[in-house]
Every structure is written in structure tokens, then in C-alpha cells.
């Protein structure tokens, strides 16, 4: 189970982006592969490991920086 701090950061980023589907597409634009939107959603609910949630956070931050 991921820490509350990481889960909260992921929720903040997804809310900023607009949806889990948009987050999936942003990650895919950076990595050419992405978790499903439902996997992102489940991680937002706390069912991911710290490592997985941190990877999502890092990928989303990279995608946001690249799209600016």
C-alpha cells in the first residue's frame, strides 16, 4: 500500500490533468507505454505500492514539463 503522501500527490496531479484517461495518454506520450486508466485510478485509491505510485508521479511530472 502506497504512502498517503504519494497517493495525495498522484491525486493532485490527476486532478490537475483532468482525468485518469488523460493521465494515461500523457504518460503514453512520454514513455510510449502506460498503465491503464483503471490502474491509475486504483493507485489513487491506495492500492499501489510506493514504487508504482512514484513512477506514475515521475512520469506525469515529466509529461507535464514536456507539454509546456
Protein backbone atom coordinates (compact mmCIF):
# COMPACT_ATOMS: atom_id res chain seq x y z
CA UNK A 1 0.00 0.00 0.00
CA UNK A 2 1.39 3.37 -1.02
CA UNK A 3 2.02 6.13 1.48
CA UNK A 4 -0.62 8.79 1.93
CA UNK A 5 1.79 11.49 0.75
CA UNK A 6 2.42 9.76 -2.58
CA UNK A 7 -1.23 8.90 -3.06
CA UNK A 8 -2.22 12.51 -2.37
CA UNK A 9 0.38 13.78 -4.86
CA UNK A 10 -0.92 11.40 -7.53
CA UNK A 11 -4.49 12.55 -6.89
CA UNK A 12 -3.36 16.18 -7.14
CA UNK A 13 -1.62 15.56 -10.48
CA UNK A 14 -4.53 13.62 -11.99
CA UNK A 15 -6.97 16.32 -10.88
CA UNK A 16 -4.70 18.94 -12.47
CA UNK A 17 -4.62 16.96 -15.71
CA UNK A 18 -8.35 16.35 -15.69
CA UNK A 19 -8.91 12.58 -15.62
CA UNK A 20 -7.22 9.22 -15.36
CA UNK A 21 -7.68 8.71 -19.12
CA UNK A 22 -5.87 11.97 -19.83
CA UNK A 23 -3.14 10.93 -17.38
CA UNK A 24 -2.81 7.61 -19.22
CA UNK A 25 -2.43 9.43 -22.55
CA UNK A 26 0.14 11.84 -21.14
CA UNK A 27 2.28 9.02 -19.79
CA UNK A 28 1.96 7.22 -23.12
CA UNK A 29 3.18 10.36 -24.91
CA UNK A 30 6.40 10.25 -22.87
CA UNK A 31 7.07 6.52 -22.49
CA UNK A 32 5.21 5.06 -25.49
CA UNK A 33 3.61 2.71 -22.95
CA UNK A 34 1.37 3.49 -20.00
CA UNK A 35 -0.63 1.93 -17.21
CA UNK A 36 -4.35 1.64 -17.86
CA UNK A 37 -6.55 4.42 -16.57
CA UNK A 38 -8.08 1.92 -14.15
CA UNK A 39 -4.62 1.06 -12.76
CA UNK A 40 -4.02 4.77 -12.17
CA UNK A 41 -7.43 5.04 -10.50
CA UNK A 42 -6.72 2.06 -8.24
CA UNK A 43 -3.40 3.60 -7.22
CA UNK A 44 -5.25 6.81 -6.37
CA UNK A 45 -7.40 4.72 -4.03
CA UNK A 46 -4.29 3.45 -2.25
CA UNK A 47 -3.89 0.00 -3.77
CA UNK A 48 -0.49 0.59 -5.37
CA UNK A 49 2.98 0.20 -3.93
CA UNK A 50 5.15 3.23 -3.19
CA UNK A 51 7.33 2.36 -6.17
CA UNK A 52 4.45 2.17 -8.65
CA UNK A 53 2.80 5.35 -7.43
CA UNK A 54 6.14 7.19 -7.51
CA UNK A 55 6.71 6.01 -11.10
CA UNK A 56 3.28 7.37 -12.08
CA UNK A 57 4.10 10.68 -10.37
CA UNK A 58 7.51 10.95 -12.05
CA UNK A 59 6.07 10.11 -15.47
CA UNK A 60 3.24 12.61 -15.10
CA UNK A 61 5.59 15.38 -13.97
CA UNK A 62 7.86 14.68 -16.95
CA UNK A 63 4.87 14.71 -19.31
CA UNK A 64 3.58 17.99 -17.88
CA UNK A 65 7.02 19.60 -18.25
CA UNK A 66 7.35 18.36 -21.83
CA UNK A 67 3.90 19.59 -22.82
CA UNK A 68 4.54 23.12 -21.56
